[in-house]
Amino acid sequence: MSQDNEPTLEKLDDYNGKESPEKRRVIWLVVLAALAVGAIFASFEMGSPKKDLVESVPKSDAK
């Protein structure tokens, strides 16, 4: 019992590779922007000094 007012996949504008070039461009820009933001955060993480490193005390100074 299907209703006639519900859209099917074939009625959608961008189904099965029929999307507009503008939609493709927007998707690529979003993906590239996400990768760029991830790369920026990764470079900050790799460049920052590690705070959890334990410094060793030379044996002559140990009590």
Protein backbone atom coordinates (compact mmCIF):
# COMPACT_ATOMS: atom_id res chain seq x y z
CA MET A 1 0.00 0.00 0.00
CA SER A 2 2.19 2.84 -1.24
CA GLN A 3 1.18 6.45 -1.27
CA ASP A 4 1.39 8.37 -4.53
CA ASN A 5 2.75 11.56 -2.96
CA GLU A 6 5.97 9.98 -1.71
CA PRO A 7 9.00 10.53 -3.97
CA THR A 8 10.87 7.59 -5.41
CA LEU A 9 14.60 7.49 -6.05
CA GLU A 10 14.07 7.87 -9.80
CA LYS A 11 12.17 11.14 -9.27
CA LEU A 12 15.03 12.76 -7.33
CA ASP A 13 17.14 15.24 -9.32
CA ASP A 14 20.54 13.95 -8.25
CA TYR A 15 19.93 10.20 -8.16
CA ASN A 16 22.16 7.79 -10.08
CA GLY A 17 24.86 10.23 -11.21
CA LYS A 18 22.56 12.97 -12.49
CA GLU A 19 23.68 15.65 -10.03
CA SER A 20 24.48 19.12 -11.26
CA PRO A 21 28.10 20.28 -11.71
CA GLU A 22 27.50 22.90 -9.02
CA LYS A 23 26.61 20.21 -6.47
CA ARG A 24 29.75 18.26 -7.38
CA ARG A 25 31.86 21.39 -6.91
CA VAL A 26 30.33 22.11 -3.50
CA ILE A 27 30.94 18.55 -2.33
CA TRP A 28 34.57 18.69 -3.47
CA LEU A 29 35.06 22.03 -1.72
CA VAL A 30 33.63 20.66 1.53
CA VAL A 31 35.87 17.57 1.35
CA LEU A 32 38.98 19.66 0.58
CA ALA A 33 38.17 22.12 3.36
CA ALA A 34 37.79 19.27 5.86
CA LEU A 35 41.13 17.80 4.78
CA ALA A 36 42.81 21.21 5.07
CA VAL A 37 41.45 21.78 8.58
CA GLY A 38 42.58 18.28 9.58
CA ALA A 39 46.06 18.93 8.20
CA ILE A 40 46.31 22.20 10.12
CA PHE A 41 45.32 20.54 13.39
CA ALA A 42 47.74 17.67 12.74
CA SER A 43 50.61 20.06 12.09
CA PHE A 44 49.88 21.91 15.36
CA GLU A 45 49.81 18.61 17.23
CA MET A 46 53.09 17.42 15.73
CA GLY A 47 54.84 20.76 16.25
CA SER A 48 53.86 21.31 19.86
CA PRO A 49 56.18 20.10 22.62
CA LYS A 50 54.96 17.05 24.45
CA LYS A 51 53.95 17.84 28.02
CA ASP A 52 53.75 14.28 29.26
CA LEU A 53 57.42 13.37 28.78
CA VAL A 54 59.27 12.37 31.95
CA GLU A 55 62.70 13.90 32.30
CA SER A 56 65.29 11.54 33.69
CA VAL A 57 67.48 12.62 36.58
CA PRO A 58 71.19 11.81 36.25
CA LYS A 59 72.33 9.18 38.75
CA SER A 60 74.86 11.53 40.38
CA ASP A 61 72.07 13.93 41.39
CA ALA A 62 69.73 11.23 42.67
CA LYS A 63 69.35 10.86 46.44
